[in-house]
Amino acid sequence: MNIDDYLRLGQIAIETALYTCAPILVFGLVAGFLVSVFQAATQINDPALAFIPKIAAAIVGMLLFGHFMINRISAFTIFVISQIGNLSAR
């Protein structure tokens, strides 16, 4: 493997990390924004009110996109394992 192959492997790793964490982060972001708007409108500042909906949104994100995330991670793992044969000691 030359430097271009290693850079491509790093690029695929970063893309996989972004694609697998993005759904959960977006759901948490939306839930946090909605809770913030609700707290600002009602002036209720309960920490549990800010924390519990974000956790619930993350769980919903995992339930909806879990299959996609597992497929993406397993495809990356298969790719990395298939590249072991191309390694050479220099």
N, C-alpha and C. Protein backbone atom coordinates (compact mmCIF):
# COMPACT_ATOMS: atom_id res chain seq x y z
N MET A 1 0.85 -1.18 0.00
CA MET A 1 0.00 0.00 0.00
C MET A 1 0.90 1.24 0.00
N ASN A 2 0.51 2.21 -0.77
CA ASN A 2 1.25 3.46 -0.77
C ASN A 2 0.47 4.51 0.02
N ILE A 3 0.98 5.71 0.02
CA ILE A 3 0.38 6.77 0.85
C ILE A 3 -1.04 7.10 0.41
N ASP A 4 -1.31 6.99 -0.89
CA ASP A 4 -2.67 7.28 -1.38
C ASP A 4 -3.68 6.28 -0.84
N ASP A 5 -3.28 5.04 -0.71
CA ASP A 5 -4.18 4.03 -0.16
C ASP A 5 -4.49 4.31 1.31
N TYR A 6 -3.47 4.73 2.05
CA TYR A 6 -3.69 5.06 3.46
C TYR A 6 -4.58 6.29 3.62
N LEU A 7 -4.38 7.27 2.76
CA LEU A 7 -5.23 8.46 2.80
C LEU A 7 -6.68 8.12 2.46
N ARG A 8 -6.86 7.24 1.48
CA ARG A 8 -8.21 6.80 1.12
C ARG A 8 -8.86 6.04 2.27
N LEU A 9 -8.09 5.21 2.94
CA LEU A 9 -8.60 4.49 4.10
C LEU A 9 -9.02 5.46 5.21
N GLY A 10 -8.22 6.47 5.45
CA GLY A 10 -8.57 7.49 6.44
C GLY A 10 -9.81 8.26 6.04
N GLN A 11 -9.93 8.57 4.76
CA GLN A 11 -11.11 9.28 4.28
C GLN A 11 -12.37 8.44 4.47
N ILE A 12 -12.29 7.17 4.14
CA ILE A 12 -13.45 6.28 4.31
C ILE A 12 -13.80 6.15 5.79
N ALA A 13 -12.78 6.10 6.66
CA ALA A 13 -13.02 6.00 8.10
C ALA A 13 -13.75 7.24 8.62
N ILE A 14 -13.33 8.41 8.17
CA ILE A 14 -13.98 9.65 8.61
C ILE A 14 -15.41 9.73 8.09
N GLU A 15 -15.61 9.34 6.83
CA GLU A 15 -16.97 9.34 6.27
C GLU A 15 -17.87 8.37 7.04
N THR A 16 -17.35 7.21 7.37
CA THR A 16 -18.14 6.23 8.11
C THR A 16 -18.50 6.78 9.49
N ALA A 17 -17.55 7.41 10.15
CA ALA A 17 -17.83 7.99 11.47
C ALA A 17 -18.90 9.07 11.38
N LEU A 18 -18.82 9.92 10.37
CA LEU A 18 -19.81 10.99 10.22
C LEU A 18 -21.19 10.45 9.89
N TYR A 19 -21.25 9.49 8.97
CA TYR A 19 -22.55 8.94 8.58
C TYR A 19 -23.20 8.15 9.70
N THR A 20 -22.41 7.53 10.56
CA THR A 20 -23.02 6.73 11.62
C THR A 20 -23.43 7.57 12.83
N CYS A 21 -22.75 8.66 13.09
CA CYS A 21 -23.13 9.45 14.26
C CYS A 21 -24.09 10.59 13.92
N ALA A 22 -24.19 10.97 12.66
CA ALA A 22 -25.03 12.11 12.28
C ALA A 22 -26.51 11.96 12.63
N PRO A 23 -27.16 10.81 12.38
CA PRO A 23 -28.59 10.73 12.71
C PRO A 23 -28.88 10.96 14.18
N ILE A 24 -28.08 10.38 15.06
CA ILE A 24 -28.31 10.55 16.49
C ILE A 24 -28.05 11.99 16.90
N LEU A 25 -27.00 12.59 16.39
CA LEU A 25 -26.69 13.97 16.74
C LEU A 25 -27.76 14.93 16.24
N VAL A 26 -28.28 14.70 15.04
CA VAL A 26 -29.32 15.58 14.50
C VAL A 26 -30.60 15.46 15.31
N PHE A 27 -30.98 14.23 15.67
CA PHE A 27 -32.17 14.06 16.50
C PHE A 27 -32.00 14.75 17.85
N GLY A 28 -30.82 14.62 18.46
CA GLY A 28 -30.55 15.29 19.73
C GLY A 28 -30.55 16.79 19.60
N LEU A 29 -30.03 17.30 18.49
CA LEU A 29 -30.00 18.74 18.25
C LEU A 29 -31.41 19.30 18.11
N VAL A 30 -32.24 18.62 17.34
CA VAL A 30 -33.62 19.07 17.16
C VAL A 30 -34.38 19.02 18.48
N ALA A 31 -34.21 17.94 19.22
CA ALA A 31 -34.90 17.82 20.52
C ALA A 31 -34.42 18.91 21.47
N GLY A 32 -33.12 19.16 21.51
CA GLY A 32 -32.59 20.22 22.37
C GLY A 32 -33.11 21.59 21.99
N PHE A 33 -33.21 21.85 20.70
CA PHE A 33 -33.74 23.14 20.25
C PHE A 33 -35.20 23.30 20.65
N LEU A 34 -36.00 22.25 20.44
CA LEU A 34 -37.42 22.34 20.80
C LEU A 34 -37.61 22.50 22.31
N VAL A 35 -36.81 21.81 23.09
CA VAL A 35 -36.90 21.95 24.55
C VAL A 35 -36.47 23.35 24.97
N SER A 36 -35.45 23.89 24.34
CA SER A 36 -34.99 25.24 24.66
C SER A 36 -36.06 26.28 24.35
N VAL A 37 -36.73 26.12 23.22
CA VAL A 37 -37.81 27.05 22.87
C VAL A 37 -38.95 26.92 23.88
N PHE A 38 -39.28 25.68 24.25
CA PHE A 38 -40.34 25.47 25.23
C PHE A 38 -39.97 26.07 26.59
N GLN A 39 -38.73 25.88 27.02
CA GLN A 39 -38.30 26.44 28.30
C GLN A 39 -38.26 27.96 28.27
N ALA A 40 -37.88 28.53 27.15
CA ALA A 40 -37.86 29.99 27.04
C ALA A 40 -39.28 30.56 27.05
N ALA A 41 -40.21 29.84 26.43
CA ALA A 41 -41.58 30.32 26.37
C ALA A 41 -42.29 30.20 27.72
N THR A 42 -42.00 29.14 28.46
CA THR A 42 -42.71 28.90 29.73
C THR A 42 -41.89 29.30 30.94
N GLN A 43 -40.62 29.62 30.77
CA GLN A 43 -39.70 29.97 31.84
C GLN A 43 -39.57 28.87 32.89
N ILE A 44 -39.66 27.63 32.44
CA ILE A 44 -39.41 26.48 33.30
C ILE A 44 -37.97 26.06 33.06
N ASN A 45 -37.15 26.07 34.11
CA ASN A 45 -35.74 25.72 33.97
C ASN A 45 -35.42 24.47 34.76
N ASP A 46 -36.02 23.38 34.40
CA ASP A 46 -35.77 22.11 35.05
C ASP A 46 -34.71 21.34 34.26
N PRO A 47 -33.60 20.92 34.89
CA PRO A 47 -32.57 20.21 34.15
C PRO A 47 -33.06 18.89 33.55
N ALA A 48 -33.96 18.22 34.23
CA ALA A 48 -34.48 16.96 33.70
C ALA A 48 -35.28 17.20 32.44
N LEU A 49 -35.93 18.33 32.36
CA LEU A 49 -36.72 18.65 31.16
C LEU A 49 -35.81 18.84 29.95
N ALA A 50 -34.58 19.27 30.18
CA ALA A 50 -33.64 19.43 29.07
C ALA A 50 -32.94 18.12 28.72
N PHE A 51 -32.77 17.24 29.69
CA PHE A 51 -31.96 16.04 29.49
C PHE A 51 -32.77 14.87 28.94
N ILE A 52 -33.93 14.61 29.49
CA ILE A 52 -34.71 13.42 29.14
C ILE A 52 -35.17 13.42 27.67
N PRO A 53 -35.68 14.52 27.12
CA PRO A 53 -36.05 14.49 25.69
C PRO A 53 -34.88 14.24 24.74
N LYS A 54 -33.69 14.71 25.11
CA LYS A 54 -32.52 14.46 24.26
C LYS A 54 -32.18 12.98 24.26
N ILE A 55 -32.25 12.35 25.41
CA ILE A 55 -31.99 10.91 25.48
C ILE A 55 -33.04 10.14 24.69
N ALA A 56 -34.30 10.54 24.84
CA ALA A 56 -35.37 9.88 24.09
C ALA A 56 -35.18 10.06 22.59
N ALA A 57 -34.77 11.24 22.17
CA ALA A 57 -34.53 11.49 20.75
C ALA A 57 -33.36 10.65 20.23
N ALA A 58 -32.32 10.48 21.05
CA ALA A 58 -31.19 9.64 20.64
C ALA A 58 -31.62 8.18 20.49
N ILE A 59 -32.48 7.71 21.38
CA ILE A 59 -32.99 6.34 21.29
C ILE A 59 -33.84 6.18 20.04
N VAL A 60 -34.68 7.16 19.74
CA VAL A 60 -35.49 7.10 18.52
C VAL A 60 -34.60 7.10 17.28
N GLY A 61 -33.54 7.91 17.30
CA GLY A 61 -32.59 7.93 16.19
C GLY A 61 -31.91 6.59 16.01
N MET A 62 -31.56 5.94 17.12
CA MET A 62 -30.95 4.60 17.02
C MET A 62 -31.94 3.58 16.48
N LEU A 63 -33.19 3.67 16.91
CA LEU A 63 -34.19 2.73 16.42
C LEU A 63 -34.46 2.92 14.93
N LEU A 64 -34.52 4.16 14.48
CA LEU A 64 -34.84 4.42 13.08
C LEU A 64 -33.65 4.17 12.15
N PHE A 65 -32.45 4.52 12.59
CA PHE A 65 -31.28 4.46 11.71
C PHE A 65 -30.27 3.40 12.13
N GLY A 66 -30.61 2.56 13.10
CA GLY A 66 -29.68 1.55 13.57
C GLY A 66 -29.25 0.58 12.50
N HIS A 67 -30.20 0.16 11.67
CA HIS A 67 -29.88 -0.79 10.61
C HIS A 67 -28.88 -0.17 9.62
N PHE A 68 -29.11 1.08 9.25
CA PHE A 68 -28.19 1.78 8.35
C PHE A 68 -26.81 1.90 8.97
N MET A 69 -26.76 2.27 10.26
CA MET A 69 -25.47 2.46 10.92
C MET A 69 -24.69 1.15 11.02
N ILE A 70 -25.37 0.08 11.38
CA ILE A 70 -24.69 -1.21 11.49
C ILE A 70 -24.20 -1.68 10.12
N ASN A 71 -25.01 -1.51 9.09
CA ASN A 71 -24.57 -1.88 7.75
C ASN A 71 -23.35 -1.08 7.31
N ARG A 72 -23.35 0.20 7.62
CA ARG A 72 -22.23 1.07 7.24
C ARG A 72 -20.94 0.66 7.97
N ILE A 73 -21.06 0.40 9.26
CA ILE A 73 -19.89 0.01 10.04
C ILE A 73 -19.39 -1.37 9.61
N SER A 74 -20.29 -2.29 9.34
CA SER A 74 -19.85 -3.63 8.93
C SER A 74 -19.21 -3.59 7.53
N ALA A 75 -19.71 -2.76 6.63
CA ALA A 75 -19.09 -2.62 5.31
C ALA A 75 -17.68 -2.04 5.44
N PHE A 76 -17.51 -1.08 6.33
CA PHE A 76 -16.18 -0.52 6.56
C PHE A 76 -15.25 -1.56 7.15
N THR A 77 -15.74 -2.34 8.09
CA THR A 77 -14.92 -3.37 8.71
C THR A 77 -14.49 -4.41 7.69
N ILE A 78 -15.41 -4.83 6.83
CA ILE A 78 -15.07 -5.79 5.78
C ILE A 78 -14.03 -5.20 4.84
N PHE A 79 -14.17 -3.93 4.51
CA PHE A 79 -13.18 -3.28 3.63
C PHE A 79 -11.81 -3.25 4.28
N VAL A 80 -11.75 -2.89 5.56
CA VAL A 80 -10.46 -2.82 6.26
C VAL A 80 -9.82 -4.20 6.34
N ILE A 81 -10.62 -5.21 6.68
CA ILE A 81 -10.06 -6.56 6.77
C ILE A 81 -9.58 -7.05 5.41
N SER A 82 -10.29 -6.69 4.35
CA SER A 82 -9.85 -7.11 3.02
C SER A 82 -8.57 -6.43 2.58
N GLN A 83 -8.24 -5.30 3.18
CA GLN A 83 -7.01 -4.58 2.83
C GLN A 83 -5.78 -5.10 3.57
N ILE A 84 -5.96 -6.02 4.51
CA ILE A 84 -4.81 -6.53 5.27
C ILE A 84 -3.83 -7.24 4.35
N GLY A 85 -4.34 -7.95 3.36
CA GLY A 85 -3.46 -8.65 2.43
C GLY A 85 -2.60 -7.73 1.59
N ASN A 86 -3.00 -6.48 1.45
CA ASN A 86 -2.23 -5.52 0.64
C ASN A 86 -1.10 -4.86 1.42
N LEU A 87 -1.05 -5.08 2.72
CA LEU A 87 0.01 -4.46 3.53
C LEU A 87 1.34 -5.13 3.25
N SER A 88 2.37 -4.35 3.28
CA SER A 88 3.72 -4.90 3.09
C SER A 88 4.66 -4.20 4.04
N ALA A 89 5.60 -4.93 4.56
CA ALA A 89 6.61 -4.35 5.45
C ALA A 89 7.70 -3.73 4.60
N ARG A 90 7.99 -2.50 4.84
CA ARG A 90 9.03 -1.81 4.09
C ARG A 90 10.13 -1.39 4.99
